[in-house]
Amino acid sequence: YGRGPLFFIELESTLGTATLDDFLRNYYNDNLFGIGTDATLRASAEAACDCDLSEAWAEWVVPRER
């Protein structure tokens, strides 16, 4: 559970505070009465920054083998 908050800190340093705020606000509103998934989270983040987050996604979100 510790990686989740660290991922958002990394996103803030990558995207900037204003873009992160926009992304989180839009993600919340878009999924308010539904179920958010990792795919919708990524799509919303990439739409907010108009960028490719593949590298950060692979580092922070994709499960690692133990």
PDB file of N, CA and C in Angstrom:
ATOM      1  N   TYR A   1       0.807  -1.207   0.000  1.00  0.00           N
ATOM      2  CA  TYR A   1       0.000   0.000   0.000  1.00  0.00           C
ATOM      3  C   TYR A   1       0.847   1.267   0.000  1.00  0.00           C
ATOM      4  N   GLY A   2       2.114   1.138   0.244  1.00  0.00           N
ATOM      5  CA  GLY A   2       2.974   2.303   0.304  1.00  0.00           C
ATOM      6  C   GLY A   2       3.324   2.884  -1.050  1.00  0.00           C
ATOM      7  N   ARG A   3       3.239   2.071  -2.098  1.00  0.00           N
ATOM      8  CA  ARG A   3       3.609   2.554  -3.424  1.00  0.00           C
ATOM      9  C   ARG A   3       2.564   3.502  -4.001  1.00  0.00           C
ATOM     10  N   GLY A   4       1.305   3.343  -3.641  1.00  0.00           N
ATOM     11  CA  GLY A   4       0.245   4.196  -4.181  1.00  0.00           C
ATOM     12  C   GLY A   4       0.490   5.677  -3.932  1.00  0.00           C
ATOM     13  N   PRO A   5       0.680   6.083  -2.689  1.00  0.00           N
ATOM     14  CA  PRO A   5       0.954   7.501  -2.428  1.00  0.00           C
ATOM     15  C   PRO A   5       2.236   7.988  -3.095  1.00  0.00           C
ATOM     16  N   LEU A   6       3.256   7.129  -3.137  1.00  0.00           N
ATOM     17  CA  LEU A   6       4.506   7.512  -3.773  1.00  0.00           C
ATOM     18  C   LEU A   6       4.314   7.733  -5.271  1.00  0.00           C
ATOM     19  N   PHE A   7       3.432   6.957  -5.883  1.00  0.00           N
ATOM     20  CA  PHE A   7       3.135   7.138  -7.302  1.00  0.00           C
ATOM     21  C   PHE A   7       2.544   8.516  -7.558  1.00  0.00           C
ATOM     22  N   PHE A   8       1.638   8.957  -6.705  1.00  0.00           N
ATOM     23  CA  PHE A   8       1.026  10.272  -6.892  1.00  0.00           C
ATOM     24  C   PHE A   8       2.022  11.403  -6.614  1.00  0.00           C
ATOM     25  N   ILE A   9       2.946  11.191  -5.711  1.00  0.00           N
ATOM     26  CA  ILE A   9       4.010  12.174  -5.493  1.00  0.00           C
ATOM     27  C   ILE A   9       4.886  12.265  -6.740  1.00  0.00           C
ATOM     28  N   GLU A  10       5.200  11.117  -7.331  1.00  0.00           N
ATOM     29  CA  GLU A  10       5.979  11.093  -8.573  1.00  0.00           C
ATOM     30  C   GLU A  10       5.222  11.794  -9.697  1.00  0.00           C
ATOM     31  N   LEU A  11       3.912  11.538  -9.797  1.00  0.00           N
ATOM     32  CA  LEU A  11       3.108  12.220 -10.821  1.00  0.00           C
ATOM     33  C   LEU A  11       3.125  13.731 -10.619  1.00  0.00           C
ATOM     34  N   GLU A  12       3.030  14.161  -9.383  1.00  0.00           N
ATOM     35  CA  GLU A  12       3.054  15.600  -9.124  1.00  0.00           C
ATOM     36  C   GLU A  12       4.374  16.218  -9.576  1.00  0.00           C
ATOM     37  N   SER A  13       5.475  15.526  -9.322  1.00  0.00           N
ATOM     38  CA  SER A  13       6.765  16.079  -9.744  1.00  0.00           C
ATOM     39  C   SER A  13       6.912  16.050 -11.261  1.00  0.00           C
ATOM     40  N   THR A  14       6.256  15.107 -11.916  1.00  0.00           N
ATOM     41  CA  THR A  14       6.317  15.000 -13.372  1.00  0.00           C
ATOM     42  C   THR A  14       5.359  15.978 -14.053  1.00  0.00           C
ATOM     43  N   LEU A  15       4.124  16.040 -13.559  1.00  0.00           N
ATOM     44  CA  LEU A  15       3.076  16.821 -14.215  1.00  0.00           C
ATOM     45  C   LEU A  15       2.964  18.245 -13.704  1.00  0.00           C
ATOM     46  N   GLY A  16       3.339  18.462 -12.465  1.00  0.00           N
ATOM     47  CA  GLY A  16       3.112  19.742 -11.813  1.00  0.00           C
ATOM     48  C   GLY A  16       1.830  19.688 -11.010  1.00  0.00           C
ATOM     49  N   THR A  17       1.744  20.516 -10.007  1.00  0.00           N
ATOM     50  CA  THR A  17       0.607  20.482  -9.082  1.00  0.00           C
ATOM     51  C   THR A  17      -0.710  20.811  -9.769  1.00  0.00           C
ATOM     52  N   ALA A  18      -0.734  21.820 -10.611  1.00  0.00           N
ATOM     53  CA  ALA A  18      -1.988  22.229 -11.264  1.00  0.00           C
ATOM     54  C   ALA A  18      -2.525  21.119 -12.167  1.00  0.00           C
ATOM     55  N   THR A  19      -1.654  20.485 -12.936  1.00  0.00           N
ATOM     56  CA  THR A  19      -2.093  19.408 -13.831  1.00  0.00           C
ATOM     57  C   THR A  19      -2.545  18.200 -13.032  1.00  0.00           C
ATOM     58  N   LEU A  20      -1.833  17.874 -11.961  1.00  0.00           N
ATOM     59  CA  LEU A  20      -2.246  16.762 -11.105  1.00  0.00           C
ATOM     60  C   LEU A  20      -3.615  17.044 -10.503  1.00  0.00           C
ATOM     61  N   ASP A  21      -3.837  18.261 -10.042  1.00  0.00           N
ATOM     62  CA  ASP A  21      -5.141  18.624  -9.483  1.00  0.00           C
ATOM     63  C   ASP A  21      -6.250  18.479 -10.522  1.00  0.00           C
ATOM     64  N   ASP A  22      -6.006  18.945 -11.743  1.00  0.00           N
ATOM     65  CA  ASP A  22      -6.985  18.806 -12.819  1.00  0.00           C
ATOM     66  C   ASP A  22      -7.276  17.337 -13.105  1.00  0.00           C
ATOM     67  N   PHE A  23      -6.218  16.557 -13.195  1.00  0.00           N
ATOM     68  CA  PHE A  23      -6.367  15.125 -13.452  1.00  0.00           C
ATOM     69  C   PHE A  23      -7.210  14.458 -12.371  1.00  0.00           C
ATOM     70  N   LEU A  24      -6.885  14.687 -11.105  1.00  0.00           N
ATOM     71  CA  LEU A  24      -7.621  14.041 -10.013  1.00  0.00           C
ATOM     72  C   LEU A  24      -9.077  14.498  -9.968  1.00  0.00           C
ATOM     73  N   ARG A  25      -9.303  15.774 -10.205  1.00  0.00           N
ATOM     74  CA  ARG A  25     -10.677  16.302 -10.223  1.00  0.00           C
ATOM     75  C   ARG A  25     -11.482  15.649 -11.345  1.00  0.00           C
ATOM     76  N   ASN A  26     -10.905  15.584 -12.544  1.00  0.00           N
ATOM     77  CA  ASN A  26     -11.591  14.977 -13.683  1.00  0.00           C
ATOM     78  C   ASN A  26     -11.813  13.481 -13.477  1.00  0.00           C
ATOM     79  N   TYR A  27     -10.810  12.798 -12.959  1.00  0.00           N
ATOM     80  CA  TYR A  27     -10.948  11.362 -12.703  1.00  0.00           C
ATOM     81  C   TYR A  27     -12.067  11.101 -11.699  1.00  0.00           C
ATOM     82  N   TYR A  28     -12.110  11.879 -10.655  1.00  0.00           N
ATOM     83  CA  TYR A  28     -13.156  11.732  -9.647  1.00  0.00           C
ATOM     84  C   TYR A  28     -14.535  11.969 -10.267  1.00  0.00           C
ATOM     85  N   ASN A  29     -14.687  13.064 -10.970  1.00  0.00           N
ATOM     86  CA  ASN A  29     -15.984  13.385 -11.572  1.00  0.00           C
ATOM     87  C   ASN A  29     -16.411  12.361 -12.611  1.00  0.00           C
ATOM     88  N   ASP A  30     -15.475  11.869 -13.413  1.00  0.00           N
ATOM     89  CA  ASP A  30     -15.798  10.890 -14.451  1.00  0.00           C
ATOM     90  C   ASP A  30     -16.181   9.531 -13.886  1.00  0.00           C
ATOM     91  N   ASN A  31     -15.718   9.223 -12.697  1.00  0.00           N
ATOM     92  CA  ASN A  31     -15.962   7.899 -12.104  1.00  0.00           C
ATOM     93  C   ASN A  31     -16.793   7.962 -10.828  1.00  0.00           C
ATOM     94  N   LEU A  32     -17.469   9.071 -10.626  1.00  0.00           N
ATOM     95  CA  LEU A  32     -18.200   9.312  -9.383  1.00  0.00           C
ATOM     96  C   LEU A  32     -19.181   8.203  -9.047  1.00  0.00           C
ATOM     97  N   PHE A  33     -19.950   7.759 -10.008  1.00  0.00           N
ATOM     98  CA  PHE A  33     -20.957   6.732  -9.739  1.00  0.00           C
ATOM     99  C   PHE A  33     -20.641   5.430 -10.459  1.00  0.00           C
ATOM    100  N   GLY A  34     -19.379   5.215 -10.735  1.00  0.00           N
ATOM    101  CA  GLY A  34     -18.947   3.997 -11.418  1.00  0.00           C
ATOM    102  C   GLY A  34     -17.759   3.401 -10.705  1.00  0.00           C
ATOM    103  N   ILE A  35     -17.092   2.558 -11.416  1.00  0.00           N
ATOM    104  CA  ILE A  35     -15.914   1.902 -10.864  1.00  0.00           C
ATOM    105  C   ILE A  35     -14.710   2.329 -11.686  1.00  0.00           C
ATOM    106  N   GLY A  36     -13.770   2.978 -11.039  1.00  0.00           N
ATOM    107  CA  GLY A  36     -12.544   3.379 -11.707  1.00  0.00           C
ATOM    108  C   GLY A  36     -11.611   2.191 -11.831  1.00  0.00           C
ATOM    109  N   THR A  37     -10.888   2.134 -12.903  1.00  0.00           N
ATOM    110  CA  THR A  37      -9.926   1.052 -13.123  1.00  0.00           C
ATOM    111  C   THR A  37      -8.549   1.657 -13.360  1.00  0.00           C
ATOM    112  N   ASP A  38      -7.554   0.797 -13.402  1.00  0.00           N
ATOM    113  CA  ASP A  38      -6.220   1.303 -13.704  1.00  0.00           C
ATOM    114  C   ASP A  38      -6.171   1.884 -15.117  1.00  0.00           C
ATOM    115  N   ALA A  39      -6.948   1.334 -16.027  1.00  0.00           N
ATOM    116  CA  ALA A  39      -6.976   1.861 -17.400  1.00  0.00           C
ATOM    117  C   ALA A  39      -7.608   3.247 -17.447  1.00  0.00           C
ATOM    118  N   THR A  40      -8.693   3.454 -16.694  1.00  0.00           N
ATOM    119  CA  THR A  40      -9.327   4.779 -16.697  1.00  0.00           C
ATOM    120  C   THR A  40      -8.460   5.785 -15.954  1.00  0.00           C
ATOM    121  N   LEU A  41      -7.751   5.339 -14.926  1.00  0.00           N
ATOM    122  CA  LEU A  41      -6.839   6.222 -14.203  1.00  0.00           C
ATOM    123  C   LEU A  41      -5.726   6.696 -15.125  1.00  0.00           C
ATOM    124  N   ARG A  42      -5.136   5.768 -15.852  1.00  0.00           N
ATOM    125  CA  ARG A  42      -4.045   6.131 -16.762  1.00  0.00           C
ATOM    126  C   ARG A  42      -4.542   7.033 -17.889  1.00  0.00           C
ATOM    127  N   ALA A  43      -5.681   6.685 -18.471  1.00  0.00           N
ATOM    128  CA  ALA A  43      -6.227   7.497 -19.570  1.00  0.00           C
ATOM    129  C   ALA A  43      -6.512   8.920 -19.110  1.00  0.00           C
ATOM    130  N   SER A  44      -7.036   9.061 -17.919  1.00  0.00           N
ATOM    131  CA  SER A  44      -7.341  10.386 -17.385  1.00  0.00           C
ATOM    132  C   SER A  44      -6.059  11.177 -17.118  1.00  0.00           C
ATOM    133  N   ALA A  45      -5.055  10.515 -16.571  1.00  0.00           N
ATOM    134  CA  ALA A  45      -3.775  11.189 -16.305  1.00  0.00           C
ATOM    135  C   ALA A  45      -3.109  11.622 -17.602  1.00  0.00           C
ATOM    136  N   GLU A  46      -3.099  10.747 -18.591  1.00  0.00           N
ATOM    137  CA  GLU A  46      -2.469  11.082 -19.859  1.00  0.00           C
ATOM    138  C   GLU A  46      -3.236  12.162 -20.607  1.00  0.00           C
ATOM    139  N   ALA A  47      -4.552  12.186 -20.454  1.00  0.00           N
ATOM    140  CA  ALA A  47      -5.341  13.253 -21.083  1.00  0.00           C
ATOM    141  C   ALA A  47      -5.038  14.598 -20.432  1.00  0.00           C
ATOM    142  N   ALA A  48      -4.850  14.590 -19.119  1.00  0.00           N
ATOM    143  CA  ALA A  48      -4.579  15.844 -18.400  1.00  0.00           C
ATOM    144  C   ALA A  48      -3.233  16.442 -18.796  1.00  0.00           C
ATOM    145  N   CYS A  49      -2.246  15.601 -19.016  1.00  0.00           N
ATOM    146  CA  CYS A  49      -0.908  16.112 -19.332  1.00  0.00           C
ATOM    147  C   CYS A  49      -0.604  16.080 -20.820  1.00  0.00           C
ATOM    148  N   ASP A  50      -1.473  15.440 -21.594  1.00  0.00           N
ATOM    149  CA  ASP A  50      -1.229  15.258 -23.025  1.00  0.00           C
ATOM    150  C   ASP A  50       0.168  14.665 -23.230  1.00  0.00           C
ATOM    151  N   CYS A  51       0.414  13.560 -22.493  1.00  0.00           N
ATOM    152  CA  CYS A  51       1.718  12.919 -22.519  1.00  0.00           C
ATOM    153  C   CYS A  51       1.558  11.408 -22.381  1.00  0.00           C
ATOM    154  N   ASP A  52       2.644  10.700 -22.548  1.00  0.00           N
ATOM    155  CA  ASP A  52       2.680   9.250 -22.410  1.00  0.00           C
ATOM    156  C   ASP A  52       3.326   8.913 -21.069  1.00  0.00           C
ATOM    157  N   LEU A  53       2.582   8.235 -20.226  1.00  0.00           N
ATOM    158  CA  LEU A  53       3.096   7.892 -18.897  1.00  0.00           C
ATOM    159  C   LEU A  53       3.523   6.429 -18.798  1.00  0.00           C
ATOM    160  N   SER A  54       3.855   5.825 -19.928  1.00  0.00           N
ATOM    161  CA  SER A  54       4.217   4.402 -19.941  1.00  0.00           C
ATOM    162  C   SER A  54       5.359   4.073 -18.984  1.00  0.00           C
ATOM    163  N   GLU A  55       6.381   4.895 -18.984  1.00  0.00           N
ATOM    164  CA  GLU A  55       7.545   4.624 -18.137  1.00  0.00           C
ATOM    165  C   GLU A  55       7.188   4.686 -16.653  1.00  0.00           C
ATOM    166  N   ALA A  56       6.508   5.742 -16.250  1.00  0.00           N
ATOM    167  CA  ALA A  56       6.098   5.867 -14.842  1.00  0.00           C
ATOM    168  C   ALA A  56       5.113   4.769 -14.471  1.00  0.00           C
ATOM    169  N   TRP A  57       4.225   4.449 -15.400  1.00  0.00           N
ATOM    170  CA  TRP A  57       3.217   3.406 -15.145  1.00  0.00           C
ATOM    171  C   TRP A  57       3.892   2.068 -14.901  1.00  0.00           C
ATOM    172  N   ALA A  58       4.867   1.736 -15.743  1.00  0.00           N
ATOM    173  CA  ALA A  58       5.583   0.467 -15.598  1.00  0.00           C
ATOM    174  C   ALA A  58       6.357   0.416 -14.289  1.00  0.00           C
ATOM    175  N   GLU A  59       6.912   1.543 -13.894  1.00  0.00           N
ATOM    176  CA  GLU A  59       7.706   1.577 -12.661  1.00  0.00           C
ATOM    177  C   GLU A  59       6.836   1.496 -11.399  1.00  0.00           C
ATOM    178  N   TRP A  60       5.690   2.183 -11.404  1.00  0.00           N
ATOM    179  CA  TRP A  60       4.919   2.326 -10.173  1.00  0.00           C
ATOM    180  C   TRP A  60       3.648   1.488 -10.087  1.00  0.00           C
ATOM    181  N   VAL A  61       3.024   1.184 -11.225  1.00  0.00           N
ATOM    182  CA  VAL A  61       1.696   0.563 -11.170  1.00  0.00           C
ATOM    183  C   VAL A  61       1.697  -0.906 -11.547  1.00  0.00           C
ATOM    184  N   VAL A  62       2.431  -1.272 -12.591  1.00  0.00           N
ATOM    185  CA  VAL A  62       2.442  -2.660 -13.046  1.00  0.00           C
ATOM    186  C   VAL A  62       3.017  -3.533 -11.948  1.00  0.00           C
ATOM    187  N   PRO A  63       2.294  -4.602 -11.587  1.00  0.00           N
ATOM    188  CA  PRO A  63       2.800  -5.489 -10.506  1.00  0.00           C
ATOM    189  C   PRO A  63       4.163  -6.079 -10.854  1.00  0.00           C
ATOM    190  N   ARG A  64       4.987  -6.136  -9.842  1.00  0.00           N
ATOM    191  CA  ARG A  64       6.313  -6.718 -10.012  1.00  0.00           C
ATOM    192  C   ARG A  64       6.281  -8.166  -9.580  1.00  0.00           C
ATOM    193  N   GLU A  65       7.092  -8.971 -10.242  1.00  0.00           N
ATOM    194  CA  GLU A  65       7.204 -10.361  -9.824  1.00  0.00           C
ATOM    195  C   GLU A  65       8.025 -10.426  -8.555  1.00  0.00           C
ATOM    196  N   ARG A  66       7.656 -11.310  -7.701  1.00  0.00           N
ATOM    197  CA  ARG A  66       8.368 -11.455  -6.422  1.00  0.00           C
ATOM    198  C   ARG A  66       9.367 -12.547  -6.473  1.00  0.00           C
TER     199      ARG A  66
END
